[in-house]
């Protein structure tokens, strides 16, 4: 009882003598001062470090009360931050507060927890660097990051790493896995900047996850073993910026995307140099070396847009669409896609519309040709079924009458042409306004092609 009373008196005197100093010893079971002025304290240690509170099992406090070594079960906290570690050195140097943490470091700040083996804190609790087997858990949007070294500015709320191994995240509908080397993340604006090559995988759940706000980030690692997916997407690029708060992103350099849906037989492949997407406008822009492939359909252009509200794809510079045996070109091509499988339902070619088809692969000379100033197309069961050509419409097609080999050809010219097709080619053509029609039977059938040269 007397020993505890004396320790209390010593601590009270120390608090009064050094109340204006950096370190203020508030509590300990054992207190001893060395000849050189250091204070050695043990048992339920409590120290105030300016506005921060420090707990540990034992500590050695410097003579000038500007530094301390903390041991075992170390906890440092202020109103928004809590740090756990096995050992900590805290000190002030040239009016800058710093700390060095080692062993089972855990830093929790707002919605972020950072784990590692060592950490440096510069200007205490504002900026820190965590090293060795670093793990970051973000709770607002359940996310998990692994890296070797991490810089975390808690004042600006930014996270930077140039040694990333992988990043995992989920929302109620999708699972995300990111592979890259370096990244910058702004917690205030929910902006992720990727400054080196990255590989992003996005898998869509069959059944949405409920109560995603309470999902623990560490459980993301095991979720693939407990859920089923209905689609798989893989995206690669050289650089990228993602704004998660309003779903805006851009990708630069060598963009490659592949998407497979379990209910569909064909994989979608997409390539371009640059992509810009905004959920505010609902528009995705893609330019330079654009290529889209799915099944027997391929699309190329130098610039295009996807309008998600209307499922409209605009091909605006040097567009070309190849569908099975047919090739379509023009100044502008508009495609209204099926939002389930991304295959065209309707399409329009505006200005310099051209259509070329080779229905018989054994006779590549028999080319069906159509052209006009505007061309509208309709698809059925993923096959071209009807074409309407308006303004200066011209067509050459070979008549097969259900046979593989043609027995004649037609040349038609008029204001408007309506063409019906099946898997073997053109079955019926109807012409309106300013009509000209020439029928070439038998051995003369190839002469129809001369009319379009």
Protein backbone atom coordinates (compact mmCIF):
# COMPACT_ATOMS: atom_id res chain seq x y z
CA UNK A 1 0.00 0.00 0.00
CA UNK A 2 2.81 2.41 0.96
CA UNK A 3 4.78 1.44 -2.21
CA UNK A 4 1.78 2.23 -4.45
CA UNK A 5 1.26 5.55 -2.61
CA UNK A 6 4.89 6.59 -3.19
CA UNK A 7 4.70 5.66 -6.91
CA UNK A 8 1.57 7.81 -7.15
CA UNK A 9 3.37 10.77 -5.51
CA UNK A 10 6.39 10.38 -7.84
CA UNK A 11 4.16 10.29 -10.92
CA UNK A 12 2.22 13.32 -9.69
CA UNK A 13 5.44 15.28 -9.17
CA UNK A 14 6.75 14.22 -12.59
CA UNK A 15 3.50 15.37 -14.15
CA UNK A 16 3.78 18.78 -12.48
CA UNK A 17 7.47 19.24 -13.25
CA UNK A 18 7.24 18.23 -16.88
CA UNK A 19 3.66 19.16 -17.75
CA UNK A 20 4.81 21.41 -20.60
CA UNK A 21 7.14 18.79 -22.07
CA UNK A 22 6.42 16.41 -24.89
CA UNK A 23 5.99 13.24 -22.84
CA UNK A 24 3.84 13.11 -19.76
CA UNK A 25 3.92 9.94 -17.64
CA UNK A 26 0.42 9.41 -16.26
CA UNK A 27 0.47 5.90 -14.84
CA UNK A 28 2.72 2.88 -14.09
CA UNK A 29 3.02 0.10 -11.49
CA UNK A 30 6.78 0.56 -11.15
CA UNK A 31 8.86 3.72 -11.59
CA UNK A 32 12.66 4.12 -11.43
CA UNK A 33 14.93 6.96 -12.50
CA UNK A 34 18.49 6.15 -13.61
CA UNK A 35 21.59 8.21 -12.85
CA UNK A 36 21.61 9.67 -16.37
CA UNK A 37 18.03 10.93 -15.91
CA UNK A 38 16.10 8.29 -17.84
CA UNK A 39 12.87 6.90 -16.40
CA UNK A 40 12.19 3.17 -16.46
CA UNK A 41 8.54 2.26 -15.90
CA UNK A 42 6.70 -1.09 -15.85
CA UNK A 43 3.15 -2.39 -15.59
CA UNK A 44 0.02 -0.78 -17.04
CA UNK A 45 2.01 2.14 -18.40
CA UNK A 46 0.06 5.19 -19.59
CA UNK A 47 1.87 8.14 -21.24
CA UNK A 48 0.44 11.25 -22.87
CA UNK A 49 2.29 12.36 -25.99
CA UNK A 50 0.88 15.83 -26.72
CA UNK A 51 -2.74 15.01 -27.65
CA UNK A 52 -1.98 11.30 -28.05
CA UNK A 53 -2.37 8.58 -25.44
CA UNK A 54 0.13 5.73 -25.21
CA UNK A 55 -0.30 2.39 -23.41
CA UNK A 56 2.26 -0.43 -23.07
CA UNK A 57 3.66 -2.97 -20.63
CA UNK A 58 6.93 -1.12 -20.06
CA UNK A 59 8.86 1.90 -21.27
CA UNK A 60 12.13 3.80 -21.03
CA UNK A 61 11.57 7.55 -21.18
CA UNK A 62 14.43 9.89 -22.13
CA UNK A 63 15.92 12.44 -19.76
CA UNK A 64 14.42 15.42 -21.63
CA UNK A 65 11.05 13.68 -21.99
CA UNK A 66 11.27 14.02 -25.79
CA UNK A 67 11.77 10.35 -26.54
CA UNK A 68 10.70 6.98 -25.27
CA UNK A 69 11.10 3.27 -26.01
CA UNK A 70 7.87 1.32 -25.58
CA UNK A 71 7.70 -2.46 -25.14
CA UNK A 72 5.00 -5.12 -25.48
CA UNK A 73 1.30 -4.56 -26.12
CA UNK A 74 2.01 -1.04 -27.33
CA UNK A 75 -1.05 1.05 -28.21
CA UNK A 76 -0.93 4.66 -29.47
CA UNK A 77 -4.17 6.50 -30.14
CA UNK A 78 -5.80 9.84 -30.77
CA UNK A 79 -9.40 10.69 -31.69
CA UNK A 80 -9.27 9.04 -35.13
CA UNK A 81 -6.22 6.76 -35.08
CA UNK A 82 -5.20 3.64 -33.19
CA UNK A 83 -1.81 1.90 -33.53
CA UNK A 84 -0.85 -1.52 -32.14
CA UNK A 85 2.67 -2.99 -32.22
CA UNK A 86 5.18 -5.00 -30.17
CA UNK A 87 7.74 -2.20 -29.84
CA UNK A 88 7.88 1.51 -30.57
CA UNK A 89 10.45 4.30 -30.44
CA UNK A 90 8.81 7.73 -30.24
CA UNK A 91 10.81 10.94 -30.32
CA UNK A 92 10.99 14.55 -31.42
CA UNK A 93 13.74 15.73 -33.74
CA UNK A 94 14.03 19.35 -34.91
CA UNK A 95 10.45 20.00 -33.81
CA UNK A 96 9.16 17.06 -35.85
CA UNK A 97 7.48 14.21 -34.04
CA UNK A 98 8.31 10.74 -35.30
CA UNK A 99 7.90 7.12 -34.33
CA UNK A 100 9.40 3.82 -35.38
CA UNK A 101 7.22 0.76 -34.88
CA UNK A 102 8.23 -2.91 -35.07
CA UNK A 103 6.51 -6.26 -34.69
CA UNK A 104 2.87 -7.01 -35.59
CA UNK A 105 2.12 -3.43 -36.55
CA UNK A 106 -1.57 -2.59 -36.97
CA UNK A 107 -2.71 0.94 -37.79
CA UNK A 108 -6.43 1.73 -37.86
CA UNK A 109 -7.54 5.10 -39.19
CA UNK A 110 -11.22 5.76 -40.00
CA UNK A 111 -12.19 3.06 -42.57
CA UNK A 112 -8.62 1.85 -43.17
CA UNK A 113 -6.52 -0.72 -41.34
CA UNK A 114 -2.85 -1.23 -42.27
CA UNK A 115 -0.83 -4.27 -41.15
CA UNK A 116 2.94 -4.82 -41.41
CA UNK A 117 6.11 -5.78 -39.60
CA UNK A 118 7.66 -2.30 -39.35
CA UNK A 119 6.49 1.29 -39.78
CA UNK A 120 7.93 4.80 -39.71
CA UNK A 121 5.75 7.73 -38.73
CA UNK A 122 6.91 11.23 -39.63
CA UNK A 123 5.27 14.18 -37.85
CA UNK A 124 3.49 11.65 -35.72
CA UNK A 125 0.17 10.29 -36.96
CA UNK A 126 0.17 12.36 -40.16
CA UNK A 127 2.42 10.44 -42.55
CA UNK A 128 3.67 6.92 -42.21
CA UNK A 129 5.54 4.27 -44.14
CA UNK A 130 4.81 0.61 -43.47
CA UNK A 131 7.18 -2.13 -44.60
CA UNK A 132 7.48 -5.92 -44.79
CA UNK A 133 4.46 -8.08 -45.66
CA UNK A 134 2.07 -5.11 -45.70
CA UNK A 135 -1.69 -5.64 -45.81
CA UNK A 136 -4.29 -2.89 -46.13
CA UNK A 137 -7.97 -3.44 -45.33
CA UNK A 138 -10.54 -0.87 -46.46
CA UNK A 139 -14.00 -1.29 -44.95
CA UNK A 140 -16.19 1.25 -46.75
CA UNK A 141 -15.88 -0.67 -50.03
CA UNK A 142 -14.48 -4.01 -48.83
CA UNK A 143 -10.95 -4.08 -50.26
CA UNK A 144 -7.68 -5.83 -49.53
CA UNK A 145 -4.19 -4.79 -50.68
CA UNK A 146 -0.89 -6.66 -50.34
CA UNK A 147 2.49 -5.01 -50.93
CA UNK A 148 6.05 -4.81 -49.61
CA UNK A 149 6.05 -1.12 -48.76
CA UNK A 150 3.34 1.51 -48.34
CA UNK A 151 3.19 5.27 -47.75
CA UNK A 152 0.04 6.51 -46.03
CA UNK A 153 -0.61 10.24 -45.58
CA UNK A 154 -3.38 10.39 -42.99
CA UNK A 155 -3.76 14.15 -43.26
CA UNK A 156 -4.27 14.14 -47.02
CA UNK A 157 -5.75 10.61 -46.84
CA UNK A 158 -3.67 9.18 -49.67
CA UNK A 159 -2.05 5.76 -50.04
CA UNK A 160 0.95 5.16 -52.33
CA UNK A 161 2.85 1.97 -53.11
CA UNK A 162 5.39 0.98 -55.76
CA UNK A 163 5.70 -2.64 -54.62
CA UNK A 164 2.16 -3.96 -54.93
CA UNK A 165 1.56 -7.67 -55.21
CA UNK A 166 -2.24 -7.76 -55.57
CA UNK A 167 -5.49 -5.99 -54.69
CA UNK A 168 -8.86 -7.63 -54.00
CA UNK A 169 -12.29 -6.02 -53.64
CA UNK A 170 -15.99 -6.85 -53.79
CA UNK A 171 -19.33 -5.13 -54.05
CA UNK A 172 -22.76 -6.73 -53.88
CA UNK A 173 -22.59 -7.87 -57.53
CA UNK A 174 -18.92 -8.42 -58.42
CA UNK A 175 -15.54 -9.71 -57.30
CA UNK A 176 -12.39 -7.77 -58.32
CA UNK A 177 -8.75 -8.85 -58.46
CA UNK A 178 -6.02 -6.44 -59.55
CA UNK A 179 -2.40 -7.23 -60.39
CA UNK A 180 -0.01 -4.29 -60.78
CA UNK A 181 3.26 -2.88 -59.42
CA UNK A 182 2.39 0.65 -58.32
CA UNK A 183 -0.69 2.63 -57.41
CA UNK A 184 -1.87 5.87 -55.81
CA UNK A 185 -5.21 5.99 -53.98
CA UNK A 186 -6.99 9.11 -52.71
CA UNK A 187 -9.48 8.14 -50.00
CA UNK A 188 -11.25 11.52 -50.09
CA UNK A 189 -12.15 11.34 -53.77
CA UNK A 190 -12.09 7.52 -54.02
CA UNK A 191 -9.62 7.88 -56.90
CA UNK A 192 -7.23 5.09 -57.88
CA UNK A 193 -4.32 5.88 -60.20
CA UNK A 194 -2.39 3.02 -61.76
CA UNK A 195 0.93 4.13 -63.22
CA UNK A 196 2.23 0.84 -64.56
CA UNK A 197 0.86 -2.15 -66.44
CA UNK A 198 -2.09 -3.76 -64.71
CA UNK A 199 -4.34 -6.78 -65.07
CA UNK A 200 -7.87 -6.47 -63.66
CA UNK A 201 -10.24 -9.42 -63.29
CA UNK A 202 -13.94 -8.85 -62.63
CA UNK A 203 -16.27 -11.78 -61.93
CA UNK A 204 -20.03 -11.32 -61.57
CA UNK A 205 -21.88 -13.26 -58.86
CA UNK A 206 -24.84 -15.45 -59.73
CA UNK A 207 -26.56 -14.26 -56.56
CA UNK A 208 -25.84 -10.79 -55.10
CA UNK A 209 -24.16 -10.58 -51.69
CA UNK A 210 -26.37 -9.05 -49.02
CA UNK A 211 -25.18 -6.73 -46.21
CA UNK A 212 -21.99 -5.89 -48.06
CA UNK A 213 -21.30 -2.97 -45.69
CA UNK A 214 -20.59 -5.44 -42.87
CA UNK A 215 -18.31 -7.68 -44.92
CA UNK A 216 -14.81 -8.09 -43.48
CA UNK A 217 -12.13 -7.40 -46.13
CA UNK A 218 -9.95 -10.33 -45.01
CA UNK A 219 -12.79 -12.71 -45.98
CA UNK A 220 -12.45 -11.70 -49.64
CA UNK A 221 -9.65 -14.26 -49.99
CA UNK A 222 -12.00 -17.17 -49.31
CA UNK A 223 -15.12 -15.90 -51.09
CA UNK A 224 -14.20 -17.55 -54.42
CA UNK A 225 -14.64 -20.92 -52.72
CA UNK A 226 -18.14 -20.14 -51.46
CA UNK A 227 -19.90 -18.36 -54.35
CA UNK A 228 -20.73 -19.04 -58.00
CA UNK A 229 -20.00 -16.70 -60.89
CA UNK A 230 -21.97 -16.15 -64.09
CA UNK A 231 -19.44 -14.03 -66.02
CA UNK A 232 -15.67 -13.50 -66.13
CA UNK A 233 -13.95 -10.36 -67.41
CA UNK A 234 -10.24 -9.70 -67.81
CA UNK A 235 -8.92 -6.20 -68.58
CA UNK A 236 -5.33 -5.05 -69.20
CA UNK A 237 -3.78 -1.64 -69.88
CA UNK A 238 -0.57 0.35 -69.33
CA UNK A 239 -2.05 3.13 -67.16
CA UNK A 240 -5.42 3.95 -65.65
CA UNK A 241 -7.44 6.27 -63.41
CA UNK A 242 -10.61 5.13 -61.61
CA UNK A 243 -13.05 7.38 -59.70
CA UNK A 244 -15.16 4.99 -57.62
CA UNK A 245 -17.43 7.63 -56.04
CA UNK A 246 -19.02 8.50 -59.41
CA UNK A 247 -17.76 5.55 -61.50
CA UNK A 248 -15.53 7.43 -63.92
CA UNK A 249 -12.46 5.74 -65.35
CA UNK A 250 -9.88 6.08 -68.09
CA UNK A 251 -7.33 3.61 -69.41
CA UNK A 252 -4.30 4.33 -71.56
CA UNK A 253 -2.06 2.16 -73.72
CA UNK A 254 -2.61 -1.37 -75.01
CA UNK A 255 -6.11 -1.80 -73.59
CA UNK A 256 -7.27 -5.43 -73.87
CA UNK A 257 -10.54 -6.88 -72.62
CA UNK A 258 -12.05 -10.34 -72.77
CA UNK A 259 -15.44 -11.28 -71.34
CA UNK A 260 -17.03 -14.70 -71.05
CA UNK A 261 -20.62 -15.28 -69.94
CA UNK A 262 -21.62 -18.78 -68.87
CA UNK A 263 -24.94 -18.60 -70.74
CA UNK A 264 -23.27 -17.58 -74.04
CA UNK A 265 -21.16 -19.75 -76.38
CA UNK A 266 -18.67 -17.07 -77.49
CA UNK A 267 -16.16 -14.88 -75.67
CA UNK A 268 -16.08 -11.13 -76.34
CA UNK A 269 -12.63 -9.73 -77.19
CA UNK A 270 -11.96 -5.97 -77.20
CA UNK A 271 -8.82 -3.96 -77.94
CA UNK A 272 -7.96 -0.26 -78.30
CA UNK A 273 -5.36 2.30 -77.27
CA UNK A 274 -7.48 4.49 -74.97
CA UNK A 275 -10.77 4.28 -73.05
CA UNK A 276 -12.75 6.95 -71.16
CA UNK A 277 -15.95 6.11 -69.29
CA UNK A 278 -18.39 8.22 -67.26
CA UNK A 279 -21.49 6.93 -65.49
CA UNK A 280 -22.67 10.55 -65.27
CA UNK A 281 -23.04 10.77 -69.06
CA UNK A 282 -23.45 7.03 -69.54
CA UNK A 283 -20.90 7.14 -72.37
CA UNK A 284 -17.75 5.08 -72.95
CA UNK A 285 -15.31 6.46 -75.52
CA UNK A 286 -12.66 4.30 -77.16
CA UNK A 287 -10.16 5.33 -79.80
CA UNK A 288 -7.19 4.24 -81.92
CA UNK A 289 -6.81 0.69 -83.17
CA UNK A 290 -10.23 -0.37 -81.89
CA UNK A 291 -11.13 -4.01 -82.44
CA UNK A 292 -14.15 -5.95 -81.15
CA UNK A 293 -14.66 -9.67 -81.81
CA UNK A 294 -17.34 -12.09 -80.76
CA UNK A 295 -18.13 -15.34 -82.53
CA UNK A 296 -18.37 -14.67 -86.28
CA UNK A 297 -18.64 -10.90 -85.81
CA UNK A 298 -15.73 -8.47 -85.75
CA UNK A 299 -15.70 -4.67 -85.60
CA UNK A 300 -12.87 -2.20 -86.24
CA UNK A 301 -12.75 1.60 -86.04
CA UNK A 302 -10.39 4.42 -85.07
CA UNK A 303 -12.90 6.03 -82.72
CA UNK A 304 -16.16 4.86 -81.18
CA UNK A 305 -18.64 5.42 -78.36
CA UNK A 306 -20.92 3.18 -76.33
CA UNK A 307 -24.09 4.82 -74.92
CA UNK A 308 -25.20 2.47 -72.16
CA UNK A 309 -28.68 3.99 -71.65
CA UNK A 310 -29.71 3.08 -75.22
CA UNK A 311 -27.25 0.19 -75.80
CA UNK A 312 -25.99 2.15 -78.81
CA UNK A 313 -22.52 1.65 -80.26
CA UNK A 314 -21.30 4.49 -82.50
CA UNK A 315 -18.41 3.75 -84.87
CA UNK A 316 -17.34 7.18 -86.06
CA UNK A 317 -13.95 6.96 -87.83
CA UNK A 318 -13.12 4.38 -90.54
CA UNK A 319 -15.60 1.78 -89.27
CA UNK A 320 -15.85 -1.77 -90.57
CA UNK A 321 -18.15 -4.57 -89.45
CA UNK A 322 -17.61 -8.18 -90.55
CA UNK A 323 -20.46 -10.56 -89.76
CA UNK A 324 -19.81 -14.12 -90.91
CA UNK A 325 -19.62 -13.81 -94.74
CA UNK A 326 -20.55 -10.11 -94.93
CA UNK A 327 -18.50 -6.91 -94.68
CA UNK A 328 -20.09 -3.51 -93.97
CA UNK A 329 -18.33 -0.13 -94.25
CA UNK A 330 -19.33 3.54 -94.31
CA UNK A 331 -18.51 6.93 -92.82
CA UNK A 332 -20.51 6.20 -89.65
CA UNK A 333 -22.02 2.96 -88.35
CA UNK A 334 -24.57 2.87 -85.53
CA UNK A 335 -25.26 -0.47 -83.82
CA UNK A 336 -28.09 -1.05 -81.34
CA UNK A 337 -26.77 -3.97 -79.33
CA UNK A 338 -28.59 -6.58 -77.29
CA UNK A 339 -27.72 -5.71 -73.67
CA UNK A 340 -27.59 -9.40 -72.78
CA UNK A 341 -25.07 -10.68 -75.33
CA UNK A 342 -23.80 -7.49 -77.01
CA UNK A 343 -24.82 -8.78 -80.47
CA UNK A 344 -26.52 -6.30 -82.88
CA UNK A 345 -30.30 -6.08 -83.02
CA UNK A 346 -30.35 -3.20 -85.50
CA UNK A 347 -27.68 -1.17 -87.32
CA UNK A 348 -27.46 1.87 -89.57
CA UNK A 349 -24.72 2.95 -91.97
CA UNK A 350 -24.71 6.67 -92.68
CA UNK A 351 -22.99 8.07 -95.78
CA UNK A 352 -21.03 5.93 -98.27
CA UNK A 353 -22.73 2.76 -97.07
CA UNK A 354 -21.26 -0.41 -98.58
CA UNK A 355 -22.15 -4.05 -98.09
CA UNK A 356 -20.19 -6.98 -99.55
CA UNK A 357 -21.09 -10.64 -99.05
CA UNK A 358 -19.72 -13.94 -100.37
CA UNK A 359 -22.45 -16.48 -99.56
CA UNK A 360 -20.71 -19.36 -101.42
CA UNK A 361 -17.23 -19.98 -100.02
CA UNK A 362 -16.55 -22.36 -102.95
CA UNK A 363 -17.08 -19.56 -105.46
CA UNK A 364 -15.53 -16.39 -104.10
CA UNK A 365 -16.03 -14.55 -107.40
CA UNK A 366 -19.79 -14.39 -106.85
CA UNK A 367 -19.90 -11.33 -104.63
CA UNK A 368 -23.17 -9.74 -103.55
CA UNK A 369 -22.69 -5.97 -103.43
CA UNK A 370 -24.89 -3.19 -102.09
CA UNK A 371 -24.27 0.51 -101.68
CA UNK A 372 -26.13 3.73 -101.03
CA UNK A 373 -26.02 6.90 -99.05
CA UNK A 374 -27.80 5.24 -96.08
CA UNK A 375 -28.32 1.63 -95.06
CA UNK A 376 -30.50 0.22 -92.25
CA UNK A 377 -30.16 -3.40 -91.13
CA UNK A 378 -32.09 -5.77 -88.88
CA UNK A 379 -30.83 -8.98 -87.28
CA UNK A 380 -32.67 -12.10 -86.18
CA UNK A 381 -31.13 -14.95 -84.17
CA UNK A 382 -27.75 -13.23 -84.54
CA UNK A 383 -28.04 -13.27 -88.35
CA UNK A 384 -28.66 -10.45 -90.80
CA UNK A 385 -32.28 -10.77 -91.99
CA UNK A 386 -33.26 -7.47 -93.69
CA UNK A 387 -31.57 -4.44 -95.30
CA UNK A 388 -33.10 -1.13 -96.35
CA UNK A 389 -30.94 0.99 -98.67
CA UNK A 390 -32.08 4.55 -99.28
CA UNK A 391 -30.81 7.30 -101.62
CA UNK A 392 -28.82 6.22 -104.67
CA UNK A 393 -29.36 2.57 -103.83
CA UNK A 394 -27.51 0.01 -105.95
CA UNK A 395 -27.27 -3.76 -105.64
CA UNK A 396 -25.82 -6.78 -107.41
CA UNK A 397 -26.71 -10.22 -106.14
CA UNK A 398 -26.58 -13.79 -107.36
CA UNK A 399 -29.79 -15.82 -107.57
CA UNK A 400 -29.55 -19.27 -106.06
CA UNK A 401 -33.19 -20.27 -105.57
CA UNK A 402 -32.32 -22.52 -102.65
CA UNK A 403 -29.30 -24.04 -104.37
CA UNK A 404 -25.67 -23.68 -103.28
CA UNK A 405 -24.62 -22.63 -106.79
CA UNK A 406 -26.23 -19.60 -108.45
CA UNK A 407 -27.90 -19.80 -111.85
CA UNK A 408 -28.28 -16.06 -112.57
CA UNK A 409 -27.65 -12.55 -111.20
CA UNK A 410 -29.53 -9.27 -110.83
CA UNK A 411 -28.44 -5.66 -111.02
CA UNK A 412 -30.84 -3.14 -109.45
CA UNK A 413 -30.68 0.64 -109.19
CA UNK A 414 -33.23 2.93 -107.54
CA UNK A 415 -34.11 5.37 -104.80
CA UNK A 416 -34.87 2.68 -102.22
CA UNK A 417 -34.06 -1.04 -102.05
CA UNK A 418 -35.44 -3.56 -99.54
CA UNK A 419 -33.51 -6.84 -99.29
CA UNK A 420 -34.36 -10.00 -97.36
CA UNK A 421 -31.67 -12.54 -96.49
CA UNK A 422 -31.17 -15.98 -94.98
CA UNK A 423 -28.06 -18.02 -94.17
CA UNK A 424 -27.46 -18.65 -97.91
CA UNK A 425 -27.69 -15.02 -98.95
CA UNK A 426 -30.28 -12.73 -100.56
CA UNK A 427 -33.70 -14.32 -101.02
CA UNK A 428 -35.76 -11.34 -102.19
CA UNK A 429 -35.19 -7.76 -103.32
CA UNK A 430 -37.69 -4.97 -103.87
CA UNK A 431 -36.94 -1.65 -105.59
CA UNK A 432 -38.75 1.67 -105.38
CA UNK A 433 -38.34 4.91 -107.37
CA UNK A 434 -36.14 5.53 -110.42
CA UNK A 435 -35.97 1.83 -111.12
CA UNK A 436 -33.41 0.09 -113.28
CA UNK A 437 -33.11 -3.66 -113.28
CA UNK A 438 -31.04 -6.05 -115.40
CA UNK A 439 -31.25 -9.82 -115.25
CA UNK A 440 -28.19 -11.87 -116.25
CA UNK A 441 -28.94 -15.58 -116.77
CA UNK A 442 -26.56 -18.54 -116.87
CA UNK A 443 -23.13 -17.84 -118.29
CA UNK A 444 -23.79 -14.07 -118.31
CA UNK A 445 -24.27 -13.82 -114.55
CA UNK A 446 -20.77 -12.43 -113.84
CA UNK A 447 -21.49 -9.40 -116.02
CA UNK A 448 -23.63 -7.93 -113.25
CA UNK A 449 -20.46 -7.17 -111.27
CA UNK A 450 -19.19 -4.98 -114.07
CA UNK A 451 -22.04 -2.54 -113.44
CA UNK A 452 -20.65 -1.62 -109.99
CA UNK A 453 -17.02 -1.05 -110.98
